[in-house]
Amino acid sequence: MNNAFIKLLIVLISLFSVSAQSAEFSTKDKLTLVDTLKNKITTEYVLTEKIDEITQALSTLEQSPAFKQTTTEQDIAKLLSQTIRQFDGHFSVQWQDRNVGVIDVD
């Protein structure tokens, strides 16, 4: 997988971490993050035959109780990472606290 794409995923979660001023991630924030991730996968992921399957898994995740109950950036990063890693072991979503740095959620 393209290293630039991996970095993009890390930046994606970082951007939402910076934009969310509170410790909790709202439902709107979570849905926006997943939609952005699906968009990036659709437009930039090189294994095109897996794109529909990955985006469907993310849509299914959005409806899950685990997703709905998750309220922190770290927990949503872990859920997203677990979901997309099923399709490509190179996928990783990391949460970055701007005061601490990158936190590996795996």
PDB file of N, CA and C in Angstrom:
ATOM      1  N   MET A   1       0.840  -1.173   0.000  1.00  0.00           N
ATOM      2  CA  MET A   1       0.000   0.000   0.000  1.00  0.00           C
ATOM      3  C   MET A   1       0.888   1.240   0.000  1.00  0.00           C
ATOM      4  N   ASN A   2       0.418   2.267  -0.583  1.00  0.00           N
ATOM      5  CA  ASN A   2       1.125   3.523  -0.711  1.00  0.00           C
ATOM      6  C   ASN A   2       1.351   4.167   0.656  1.00  0.00           C
ATOM      7  N   ASN A   3       2.608   4.520   0.964  1.00  0.00           N
ATOM      8  CA  ASN A   3       2.938   5.162   2.245  1.00  0.00           C
ATOM      9  C   ASN A   3       2.208   6.485   2.417  1.00  0.00           C
ATOM     10  N   ALA A   4       1.991   7.196   1.339  1.00  0.00           N
ATOM     11  CA  ALA A   4       1.271   8.471   1.424  1.00  0.00           C
ATOM     12  C   ALA A   4      -0.157   8.244   1.903  1.00  0.00           C
ATOM     13  N   PHE A   5      -0.758   7.140   1.481  1.00  0.00           N
ATOM     14  CA  PHE A   5      -2.124   6.825   1.906  1.00  0.00           C
ATOM     15  C   PHE A   5      -2.161   6.511   3.395  1.00  0.00           C
ATOM     16  N   ILE A   6      -1.181   5.770   3.881  1.00  0.00           N
ATOM     17  CA  ILE A   6      -1.105   5.454   5.308  1.00  0.00           C
ATOM     18  C   ILE A   6      -0.978   6.742   6.115  1.00  0.00           C
ATOM     19  N   LYS A   7      -0.113   7.631   5.676  1.00  0.00           N
ATOM     20  CA  LYS A   7       0.052   8.907   6.365  1.00  0.00           C
ATOM     21  C   LYS A   7      -1.245   9.709   6.335  1.00  0.00           C
ATOM     22  N   LEU A   8      -1.975   9.614   5.243  1.00  0.00           N
ATOM     23  CA  LEU A   8      -3.235  10.322   5.120  1.00  0.00           C
ATOM     24  C   LEU A   8      -4.220   9.847   6.182  1.00  0.00           C
ATOM     25  N   LEU A   9      -4.268   8.550   6.425  1.00  0.00           N
ATOM     26  CA  LEU A   9      -5.167   8.026   7.444  1.00  0.00           C
ATOM     27  C   LEU A   9      -4.794   8.539   8.823  1.00  0.00           C
ATOM     28  N   ILE A  10      -3.514   8.626   9.086  1.00  0.00           N
ATOM     29  CA  ILE A  10      -3.053   9.142  10.379  1.00  0.00           C
ATOM     30  C   ILE A  10      -3.418  10.617  10.506  1.00  0.00           C
ATOM     31  N   VAL A  11      -3.223  11.364   9.452  1.00  0.00           N
ATOM     32  CA  VAL A  11      -3.550  12.784   9.465  1.00  0.00           C
ATOM     33  C   VAL A  11      -5.051  12.982   9.633  1.00  0.00           C
ATOM     34  N   LEU A  12      -5.832  12.127   9.009  1.00  0.00           N
ATOM     35  CA  LEU A  12      -7.283  12.221   9.074  1.00  0.00           C
ATOM     36  C   LEU A  12      -7.784  12.199  10.515  1.00  0.00           C
ATOM     37  N   ILE A  13      -7.356  11.225  11.275  1.00  0.00           N
ATOM     38  CA  ILE A  13      -7.797  11.137  12.671  1.00  0.00           C
ATOM     39  C   ILE A  13      -7.205  12.284  13.479  1.00  0.00           C
ATOM     40  N   SER A  14      -5.998  12.726  13.134  1.00  0.00           N
ATOM     41  CA  SER A  14      -5.385  13.856  13.831  1.00  0.00           C
ATOM     42  C   SER A  14      -6.186  15.127  13.630  1.00  0.00           C
ATOM     43  N   LEU A  15      -6.659  15.344  12.413  1.00  0.00           N
ATOM     44  CA  LEU A  15      -7.439  16.538  12.129  1.00  0.00           C
ATOM     45  C   LEU A  15      -8.710  16.581  12.945  1.00  0.00           C
ATOM     46  N   PHE A  16      -9.367  15.451  13.055  1.00  0.00           N
ATOM     47  CA  PHE A  16     -10.587  15.424  13.833  1.00  0.00           C
ATOM     48  C   PHE A  16     -10.303  15.551  15.316  1.00  0.00           C
ATOM     49  N   SER A  17      -9.179  15.075  15.756  1.00  0.00           N
ATOM     50  CA  SER A  17      -8.791  15.236  17.150  1.00  0.00           C
ATOM     51  C   SER A  17      -8.580  16.699  17.484  1.00  0.00           C
ATOM     52  N   VAL A  18      -7.924  17.413  16.600  1.00  0.00           N
ATOM     53  CA  VAL A  18      -7.672  18.834  16.819  1.00  0.00           C
ATOM     54  C   VAL A  18      -8.976  19.617  16.760  1.00  0.00           C
ATOM     55  N   SER A  19      -9.876  19.237  15.868  1.00  0.00           N
ATOM     56  CA  SER A  19     -11.120  19.988  15.714  1.00  0.00           C
ATOM     57  C   SER A  19     -12.094  19.732  16.852  1.00  0.00           C
ATOM     58  N   ALA A  20     -11.981  18.607  17.508  1.00  0.00           N
ATOM     59  CA  ALA A  20     -12.870  18.301  18.627  1.00  0.00           C
ATOM     60  C   ALA A  20     -12.225  18.833  19.899  1.00  0.00           C
ATOM     61  N   GLN A  21     -12.744  19.905  20.418  1.00  0.00           N
ATOM     62  CA  GLN A  21     -12.149  20.551  21.576  1.00  0.00           C
ATOM     63  C   GLN A  21     -12.382  19.780  22.867  1.00  0.00           C
ATOM     64  N   SER A  22     -13.448  19.023  22.942  1.00  0.00           N
ATOM     65  CA  SER A  22     -13.745  18.300  24.170  1.00  0.00           C
ATOM     66  C   SER A  22     -13.157  16.905  24.135  1.00  0.00           C
ATOM     67  N   ALA A  23     -13.220  16.222  25.276  1.00  0.00           N
ATOM     68  CA  ALA A  23     -12.692  14.864  25.368  1.00  0.00           C
ATOM     69  C   ALA A  23     -13.620  13.864  24.703  1.00  0.00           C
ATOM     70  N   GLU A  24     -14.866  14.258  24.464  1.00  0.00           N
ATOM     71  CA  GLU A  24     -15.817  13.340  23.857  1.00  0.00           C
ATOM     72  C   GLU A  24     -16.013  13.658  22.382  1.00  0.00           C
ATOM     73  N   PHE A  25     -16.232  12.611  21.630  1.00  0.00           N
ATOM     74  CA  PHE A  25     -16.454  12.694  20.197  1.00  0.00           C
ATOM     75  C   PHE A  25     -17.949  12.568  19.967  1.00  0.00           C
ATOM     76  N   SER A  26     -18.580  13.546  19.373  1.00  0.00           N
ATOM     77  CA  SER A  26     -20.024  13.496  19.155  1.00  0.00           C
ATOM     78  C   SER A  26     -20.365  12.517  18.028  1.00  0.00           C
ATOM     79  N   THR A  27     -21.632  12.160  17.948  1.00  0.00           N
ATOM     80  CA  THR A  27     -22.102  11.287  16.871  1.00  0.00           C
ATOM     81  C   THR A  27     -21.819  11.929  15.521  1.00  0.00           C
ATOM     82  N   LYS A  28     -22.057  13.226  15.424  1.00  0.00           N
ATOM     83  CA  LYS A  28     -21.789  13.933  14.169  1.00  0.00           C
ATOM     84  C   LYS A  28     -20.311  13.867  13.801  1.00  0.00           C
ATOM     85  N   ASP A  29     -19.428  14.051  14.791  1.00  0.00           N
ATOM     86  CA  ASP A  29     -17.984  13.958  14.546  1.00  0.00           C
ATOM     87  C   ASP A  29     -17.612  12.562  14.044  1.00  0.00           C
ATOM     88  N   LYS A  30     -18.163  11.546  14.678  1.00  0.00           N
ATOM     89  CA  LYS A  30     -17.848  10.164  14.292  1.00  0.00           C
ATOM     90  C   LYS A  30     -18.317   9.873  12.877  1.00  0.00           C
ATOM     91  N   LEU A  31     -19.535  10.273  12.554  1.00  0.00           N
ATOM     92  CA  LEU A  31     -20.068  10.024  11.210  1.00  0.00           C
ATOM     93  C   LEU A  31     -19.291  10.796  10.150  1.00  0.00           C
ATOM     94  N   THR A  32     -18.904  12.011  10.470  1.00  0.00           N
ATOM     95  CA  THR A  32     -18.090  12.810   9.543  1.00  0.00           C
ATOM     96  C   THR A  32     -16.741  12.144   9.306  1.00  0.00           C
ATOM     97  N   LEU A  33     -16.145  11.652  10.369  1.00  0.00           N
ATOM     98  CA  LEU A  33     -14.857  10.969  10.255  1.00  0.00           C
ATOM     99  C   LEU A  33     -14.968   9.734   9.365  1.00  0.00           C
ATOM    100  N   VAL A  34     -15.990   8.917   9.587  1.00  0.00           N
ATOM    101  CA  VAL A  34     -16.163   7.704   8.782  1.00  0.00           C
ATOM    102  C   VAL A  34     -16.437   8.058   7.329  1.00  0.00           C
ATOM    103  N   ASP A  35     -17.271   9.054   7.086  1.00  0.00           N
ATOM    104  CA  ASP A  35     -17.537   9.468   5.704  1.00  0.00           C
ATOM    105  C   ASP A  35     -16.266   9.955   5.013  1.00  0.00           C
ATOM    106  N   THR A  36     -15.458  10.709   5.727  1.00  0.00           N
ATOM    107  CA  THR A  36     -14.193  11.188   5.169  1.00  0.00           C
ATOM    108  C   THR A  36     -13.261  10.017   4.879  1.00  0.00           C
ATOM    109  N   LEU A  37     -13.199   9.067   5.802  1.00  0.00           N
ATOM    110  CA  LEU A  37     -12.363   7.887   5.607  1.00  0.00           C
ATOM    111  C   LEU A  37     -12.840   7.083   4.398  1.00  0.00           C
ATOM    112  N   LYS A  38     -14.149   6.887   4.265  1.00  0.00           N
ATOM    113  CA  LYS A  38     -14.690   6.166   3.105  1.00  0.00           C
ATOM    114  C   LYS A  38     -14.347   6.896   1.806  1.00  0.00           C
ATOM    115  N   ASN A  39     -14.453   8.205   1.813  1.00  0.00           N
ATOM    116  CA  ASN A  39     -14.098   9.007   0.634  1.00  0.00           C
ATOM    117  C   ASN A  39     -12.639   8.817   0.252  1.00  0.00           C
ATOM    118  N   LYS A  40     -11.756   8.894   1.232  1.00  0.00           N
ATOM    119  CA  LYS A  40     -10.322   8.749   0.966  1.00  0.00           C
ATOM    120  C   LYS A  40     -10.000   7.348   0.451  1.00  0.00           C
ATOM    121  N   ILE A  41     -10.629   6.346   1.027  1.00  0.00           N
ATOM    122  CA  ILE A  41     -10.408   4.973   0.561  1.00  0.00           C
ATOM    123  C   ILE A  41     -10.907   4.830  -0.875  1.00  0.00           C
ATOM    124  N   THR A  42     -12.081   5.368  -1.149  1.00  0.00           N
ATOM    125  CA  THR A  42     -12.668   5.267  -2.486  1.00  0.00           C
ATOM    126  C   THR A  42     -11.811   5.952  -3.544  1.00  0.00           C
ATOM    127  N   THR A  43     -11.231   7.075  -3.197  1.00  0.00           N
ATOM    128  CA  THR A  43     -10.479   7.834  -4.203  1.00  0.00           C
ATOM    129  C   THR A  43      -8.985   7.516  -4.248  1.00  0.00           C
ATOM    130  N   GLU A  44      -8.426   6.932  -3.174  1.00  0.00           N
ATOM    131  CA  GLU A  44      -6.978   6.787  -3.132  1.00  0.00           C
ATOM    132  C   GLU A  44      -6.451   5.370  -2.889  1.00  0.00           C
ATOM    133  N   TYR A  45      -7.309   4.450  -2.475  1.00  0.00           N
ATOM    134  CA  TYR A  45      -6.826   3.105  -2.182  1.00  0.00           C
ATOM    135  C   TYR A  45      -6.509   2.361  -3.473  1.00  0.00           C
ATOM    136  N   VAL A  46      -5.347   1.729  -3.521  1.00  0.00           N
ATOM    137  CA  VAL A  46      -4.876   1.130  -4.773  1.00  0.00           C
ATOM    138  C   VAL A  46      -5.492  -0.232  -5.092  1.00  0.00           C
ATOM    139  N   LEU A  47      -5.953  -0.953  -4.100  1.00  0.00           N
ATOM    140  CA  LEU A  47      -6.571  -2.257  -4.354  1.00  0.00           C
ATOM    141  C   LEU A  47      -8.071  -2.051  -4.574  1.00  0.00           C
ATOM    142  N   THR A  48      -8.388  -1.592  -5.768  1.00  0.00           N
ATOM    143  CA  THR A  48      -9.755  -1.151  -6.078  1.00  0.00           C
ATOM    144  C   THR A  48     -10.803  -2.252  -5.906  1.00  0.00           C
ATOM    145  N   GLU A  49     -10.410  -3.500  -6.039  1.00  0.00           N
ATOM    146  CA  GLU A  49     -11.378  -4.589  -5.906  1.00  0.00           C
ATOM    147  C   GLU A  49     -11.890  -4.740  -4.469  1.00  0.00           C
ATOM    148  N   LYS A  50     -11.218  -4.141  -3.508  1.00  0.00           N
ATOM    149  CA  LYS A  50     -11.621  -4.229  -2.102  1.00  0.00           C
ATOM    150  C   LYS A  50     -12.414  -3.012  -1.615  1.00  0.00           C
ATOM    151  N   ILE A  51     -12.483  -1.980  -2.417  1.00  0.00           N
ATOM    152  CA  ILE A  51     -13.063  -0.715  -1.968  1.00  0.00           C
ATOM    153  C   ILE A  51     -14.516  -0.866  -1.521  1.00  0.00           C
ATOM    154  N   ASP A  52     -15.356  -1.499  -2.331  1.00  0.00           N
ATOM    155  CA  ASP A  52     -16.770  -1.646  -1.965  1.00  0.00           C
ATOM    156  C   ASP A  52     -16.932  -2.423  -0.666  1.00  0.00           C
ATOM    157  N   GLU A  53     -16.147  -3.457  -0.513  1.00  0.00           N
ATOM    158  CA  GLU A  53     -16.210  -4.285   0.691  1.00  0.00           C
ATOM    159  C   GLU A  53     -15.789  -3.485   1.938  1.00  0.00           C
ATOM    160  N   ILE A  54     -14.753  -2.692   1.792  1.00  0.00           N
ATOM    161  CA  ILE A  54     -14.266  -1.880   2.920  1.00  0.00           C
ATOM    162  C   ILE A  54     -15.286  -0.810   3.294  1.00  0.00           C
ATOM    163  N   THR A  55     -15.800  -0.102   2.306  1.00  0.00           N
ATOM    164  CA  THR A  55     -16.755   0.966   2.608  1.00  0.00           C
ATOM    165  C   THR A  55     -18.052   0.391   3.181  1.00  0.00           C
ATOM    166  N   GLN A  56     -18.444  -0.798   2.728  1.00  0.00           N
ATOM    167  CA  GLN A  56     -19.636  -1.447   3.299  1.00  0.00           C
ATOM    168  C   GLN A  56     -19.388  -1.823   4.759  1.00  0.00           C
ATOM    169  N   ALA A  57     -18.199  -2.319   5.061  1.00  0.00           N
ATOM    170  CA  ALA A  57     -17.859  -2.664   6.448  1.00  0.00           C
ATOM    171  C   ALA A  57     -17.898  -1.422   7.337  1.00  0.00           C
ATOM    172  N   LEU A  58     -17.445  -0.295   6.821  1.00  0.00           N
ATOM    173  CA  LEU A  58     -17.491   0.959   7.579  1.00  0.00           C
ATOM    174  C   LEU A  58     -18.929   1.429   7.775  1.00  0.00           C
ATOM    175  N   SER A  59     -19.769   1.241   6.770  1.00  0.00           N
ATOM    176  CA  SER A  59     -21.188   1.591   6.903  1.00  0.00           C
ATOM    177  C   SER A  59     -21.866   0.702   7.941  1.00  0.00           C
ATOM    178  N   THR A  60     -21.522  -0.566   7.945  1.00  0.00           N
ATOM    179  CA  THR A  60     -22.061  -1.495   8.944  1.00  0.00           C
ATOM    180  C   THR A  60     -21.591  -1.103  10.337  1.00  0.00           C
ATOM    181  N   LEU A  61     -20.330  -0.725  10.445  1.00  0.00           N
ATOM    182  CA  LEU A  61     -19.785  -0.288  11.735  1.00  0.00           C
ATOM    183  C   LEU A  61     -20.570   0.898  12.284  1.00  0.00           C
ATOM    184  N   GLU A  62     -20.940   1.831  11.411  1.00  0.00           N
ATOM    185  CA  GLU A  62     -21.687   3.014  11.849  1.00  0.00           C
ATOM    186  C   GLU A  62     -22.995   2.658  12.551  1.00  0.00           C
ATOM    187  N   GLN A  63     -23.561   1.523  12.204  1.00  0.00           N
ATOM    188  CA  GLN A  63     -24.832   1.098  12.785  1.00  0.00           C
ATOM    189  C   GLN A  63     -24.669   0.230  14.029  1.00  0.00           C
ATOM    190  N   SER A  64     -23.447  -0.127  14.340  1.00  0.00           N
ATOM    191  CA  SER A  64     -23.208  -1.053  15.449  1.00  0.00           C
ATOM    192  C   SER A  64     -23.327  -0.374  16.807  1.00  0.00           C
ATOM    193  N   PRO A  65     -23.725  -1.143  17.831  1.00  0.00           N
ATOM    194  CA  PRO A  65     -23.776  -0.592  19.187  1.00  0.00           C
ATOM    195  C   PRO A  65     -22.409  -0.098  19.669  1.00  0.00           C
ATOM    196  N   ALA A  66     -21.360  -0.796  19.315  1.00  0.00           N
ATOM    197  CA  ALA A  66     -20.014  -0.386  19.742  1.00  0.00           C
ATOM    198  C   ALA A  66     -19.693   1.008  19.212  1.00  0.00           C
ATOM    199  N   PHE A  67     -20.010   1.256  17.956  1.00  0.00           N
ATOM    200  CA  PHE A  67     -19.751   2.564  17.353  1.00  0.00           C
ATOM    201  C   PHE A  67     -20.592   3.639  18.033  1.00  0.00           C
ATOM    202  N   LYS A  68     -21.855   3.348  18.237  1.00  0.00           N
ATOM    203  CA  LYS A  68     -22.766   4.327  18.836  1.00  0.00           C
ATOM    204  C   LYS A  68     -22.388   4.664  20.263  1.00  0.00           C
ATOM    205  N   GLN A  69     -21.808   3.711  20.980  1.00  0.00           N
ATOM    206  CA  GLN A  69     -21.457   3.926  22.387  1.00  0.00           C
ATOM    207  C   GLN A  69     -20.069   4.536  22.579  1.00  0.00           C
ATOM    208  N   THR A  70     -19.268   4.525  21.548  1.00  0.00           N
ATOM    209  CA  THR A  70     -17.912   5.062  21.639  1.00  0.00           C
ATOM    210  C   THR A  70     -17.968   6.585  21.702  1.00  0.00           C
ATOM    211  N   THR A  71     -17.251   7.158  22.683  1.00  0.00           N
ATOM    212  CA  THR A  71     -17.308   8.607  22.855  1.00  0.00           C
ATOM    213  C   THR A  71     -15.943   9.285  22.837  1.00  0.00           C
ATOM    214  N   THR A  72     -14.866   8.523  22.727  1.00  0.00           N
ATOM    215  CA  THR A  72     -13.543   9.157  22.724  1.00  0.00           C
ATOM    216  C   THR A  72     -12.851   8.935  21.382  1.00  0.00           C
ATOM    217  N   GLU A  73     -11.962   9.855  21.058  1.00  0.00           N
ATOM    218  CA  GLU A  73     -11.197   9.742  19.815  1.00  0.00           C
ATOM    219  C   GLU A  73     -10.366   8.466  19.788  1.00  0.00           C
ATOM    220  N   GLN A  74      -9.774   8.129  20.916  1.00  0.00           N
ATOM    221  CA  GLN A  74      -8.930   6.935  20.991  1.00  0.00           C
ATOM    222  C   GLN A  74      -9.745   5.677  20.711  1.00  0.00           C
ATOM    223  N   ASP A  75     -10.945   5.589  21.280  1.00  0.00           N
ATOM    224  CA  ASP A  75     -11.776   4.404  21.067  1.00  0.00           C
ATOM    225  C   ASP A  75     -12.302   4.316  19.639  1.00  0.00           C
ATOM    226  N   ILE A  76     -12.658   5.447  19.041  1.00  0.00           N
ATOM    227  CA  ILE A  76     -13.137   5.409  17.662  1.00  0.00           C
ATOM    228  C   ILE A  76     -11.994   5.048  16.714  1.00  0.00           C
ATOM    229  N   ALA A  77     -10.803   5.524  17.001  1.00  0.00           N
ATOM    230  CA  ALA A  77      -9.642   5.156  16.185  1.00  0.00           C
ATOM    231  C   ALA A  77      -9.400   3.650  16.258  1.00  0.00           C
ATOM    232  N   LYS A  78      -9.538   3.093  17.443  1.00  0.00           N
ATOM    233  CA  LYS A  78      -9.336   1.652  17.606  1.00  0.00           C
ATOM    234  C   LYS A  78     -10.390   0.859  16.830  1.00  0.00           C
ATOM    235  N   LEU A  79     -11.653   1.265  16.921  1.00  0.00           N
ATOM    236  CA  LEU A  79     -12.720   0.584  16.171  1.00  0.00           C
ATOM    237  C   LEU A  79     -12.492   0.664  14.666  1.00  0.00           C
ATOM    238  N   LEU A  80     -12.147   1.844  14.189  1.00  0.00           N
ATOM    239  CA  LEU A  80     -11.899   2.014  12.757  1.00  0.00           C
ATOM    240  C   LEU A  80     -10.711   1.173  12.307  1.00  0.00           C
ATOM    241  N   SER A  81      -9.669   1.176  13.103  1.00  0.00           N
ATOM    242  CA  SER A  81      -8.476   0.411  12.765  1.00  0.00           C
ATOM    243  C   SER A  81      -8.791  -1.084  12.689  1.00  0.00           C
ATOM    244  N   GLN A  82      -9.524  -1.589  13.665  1.00  0.00           N
ATOM    245  CA  GLN A  82      -9.899  -3.008  13.676  1.00  0.00           C
ATOM    246  C   GLN A  82     -10.745  -3.359  12.458  1.00  0.00           C
ATOM    247  N   THR A  83     -11.639  -2.472  12.082  1.00  0.00           N
ATOM    248  CA  THR A  83     -12.541  -2.739  10.964  1.00  0.00           C
ATOM    249  C   THR A  83     -11.798  -2.773   9.635  1.00  0.00           C
ATOM    250  N   ILE A  84     -10.972  -1.779   9.371  1.00  0.00           N
ATOM    251  CA  ILE A  84     -10.316  -1.726   8.061  1.00  0.00           C
ATOM    252  C   ILE A  84      -9.102  -2.642   7.972  1.00  0.00           C
ATOM    253  N   ARG A  85      -8.525  -2.985   9.096  1.00  0.00           N
ATOM    254  CA  ARG A  85      -7.365  -3.879   9.079  1.00  0.00           C
ATOM    255  C   ARG A  85      -7.752  -5.287   8.613  1.00  0.00           C
ATOM    256  N   GLN A  86      -9.016  -5.640   8.715  1.00  0.00           N
ATOM    257  CA  GLN A  86      -9.487  -6.944   8.219  1.00  0.00           C
ATOM    258  C   GLN A  86      -9.243  -7.086   6.719  1.00  0.00           C
ATOM    259  N   PHE A  87      -9.178  -5.980   6.029  1.00  0.00           N
ATOM    260  CA  PHE A  87      -9.039  -5.986   4.576  1.00  0.00           C
ATOM    261  C   PHE A  87      -7.605  -5.768   4.113  1.00  0.00           C
ATOM    262  N   ASP A  88      -6.829  -5.112   4.940  1.00  0.00           N
ATOM    263  CA  ASP A  88      -5.441  -4.843   4.590  1.00  0.00           C
ATOM    264  C   ASP A  88      -4.675  -4.614   5.890  1.00  0.00           C
ATOM    265  N   GLY A  89      -3.734  -5.475   6.165  1.00  0.00           N
ATOM    266  CA  GLY A  89      -2.966  -5.395   7.397  1.00  0.00           C
ATOM    267  C   GLY A  89      -2.144  -4.131   7.536  1.00  0.00           C
ATOM    268  N   HIS A  90      -2.010  -3.373   6.449  1.00  0.00           N
ATOM    269  CA  HIS A  90      -1.255  -2.130   6.490  1.00  0.00           C
ATOM    270  C   HIS A  90      -2.084  -0.956   7.008  1.00  0.00           C
ATOM    271  N   PHE A  91      -3.398  -1.124   7.034  1.00  0.00           N
ATOM    272  CA  PHE A  91      -4.256  -0.046   7.508  1.00  0.00           C
ATOM    273  C   PHE A  91      -4.047   0.191   8.996  1.00  0.00           C
ATOM    274  N   SER A  92      -4.058   1.437   9.368  1.00  0.00           N
ATOM    275  CA  SER A  92      -3.981   1.805  10.774  1.00  0.00           C
ATOM    276  C   SER A  92      -4.586   3.187  10.945  1.00  0.00           C
ATOM    277  N   VAL A  93      -5.376   3.337  11.963  1.00  0.00           N
ATOM    278  CA  VAL A  93      -5.892   4.648  12.325  1.00  0.00           C
ATOM    279  C   VAL A  93      -5.345   4.943  13.703  1.00  0.00           C
ATOM    280  N   GLN A  94      -4.689   6.062  13.832  1.00  0.00           N
ATOM    281  CA  GLN A  94      -4.100   6.445  15.110  1.00  0.00           C
ATOM    282  C   GLN A  94      -4.726   7.735  15.594  1.00  0.00           C
ATOM    283  N   TRP A  95      -4.823   7.840  16.890  1.00  0.00           N
ATOM    284  CA  TRP A  95      -5.328   9.055  17.502  1.00  0.00           C
ATOM    285  C   TRP A  95      -4.146   9.872  17.967  1.00  0.00           C
ATOM    286  N   GLN A  96      -4.221  11.167  17.774  1.00  0.00           N
ATOM    287  CA  GLN A  96      -3.131  12.041  18.202  1.00  0.00           C
ATOM    288  C   GLN A  96      -3.676  13.132  19.106  1.00  0.00           C
ATOM    289  N   ASP A  97      -3.253  13.091  20.339  1.00  0.00           N
ATOM    290  CA  ASP A  97      -3.548  14.164  21.277  1.00  0.00           C
ATOM    291  C   ASP A  97      -2.514  15.242  21.005  1.00  0.00           C
ATOM    292  N   ARG A  98      -2.954  16.418  20.643  1.00  0.00           N
ATOM    293  CA  ARG A  98      -2.011  17.460  20.249  1.00  0.00           C
ATOM    294  C   ARG A  98      -1.090  17.863  21.397  1.00  0.00           C
ATOM    295  N   ASN A  99      -1.424  17.512  22.625  1.00  0.00           N
ATOM    296  CA  ASN A  99      -0.568  17.816  23.769  1.00  0.00           C
ATOM    297  C   ASN A  99       0.424  16.681  24.086  1.00  0.00           C
ATOM    298  N   VAL A 100       0.156  15.498  23.545  1.00  0.00           N
ATOM    299  CA  VAL A 100       0.969  14.330  23.875  1.00  0.00           C
ATOM    300  C   VAL A 100       1.681  13.760  22.664  1.00  0.00           C
ATOM    301  N   GLY A 101       1.004  13.729  21.532  1.00  0.00           N
ATOM    302  CA  GLY A 101       1.553  13.124  20.330  1.00  0.00           C
ATOM    303  C   GLY A 101       0.712  11.932  19.904  1.00  0.00           C
ATOM    304  N   VAL A 102       1.223  11.150  18.981  1.00  0.00           N
ATOM    305  CA  VAL A 102       0.495  10.007  18.452  1.00  0.00           C
ATOM    306  C   VAL A 102       0.404   8.919  19.510  1.00  0.00           C
ATOM    307  N   ILE A 103      -0.788   8.369  19.628  1.00  0.00           N
ATOM    308  CA  ILE A 103      -1.020   7.251  20.550  1.00  0.00           C
ATOM    309  C   ILE A 103      -1.448   6.065  19.720  1.00  0.00           C
ATOM    310  N   ASP A 104      -0.687   4.998  19.782  1.00  0.00           N
ATOM    311  CA  ASP A 104      -0.988   3.788  19.040  1.00  0.00           C
ATOM    312  C   ASP A 104      -2.139   3.086  19.745  1.00  0.00           C
ATOM    313  N   VAL A 105      -3.231   2.842  19.033  1.00  0.00           N
ATOM    314  CA  VAL A 105      -4.414   2.263  19.640  1.00  0.00           C
ATOM    315  C   VAL A 105      -4.489   0.759  19.489  1.00  0.00           C
ATOM    316  N   ASP A 106      -3.556   0.165  18.777  1.00  0.00           N
ATOM    317  CA  ASP A 106      -3.585  -1.292  18.563  1.00  0.00           C
ATOM    318  C   ASP A 106      -3.055  -2.044  19.741  1.00  0.00           C
TER     319      ASP A 106
END
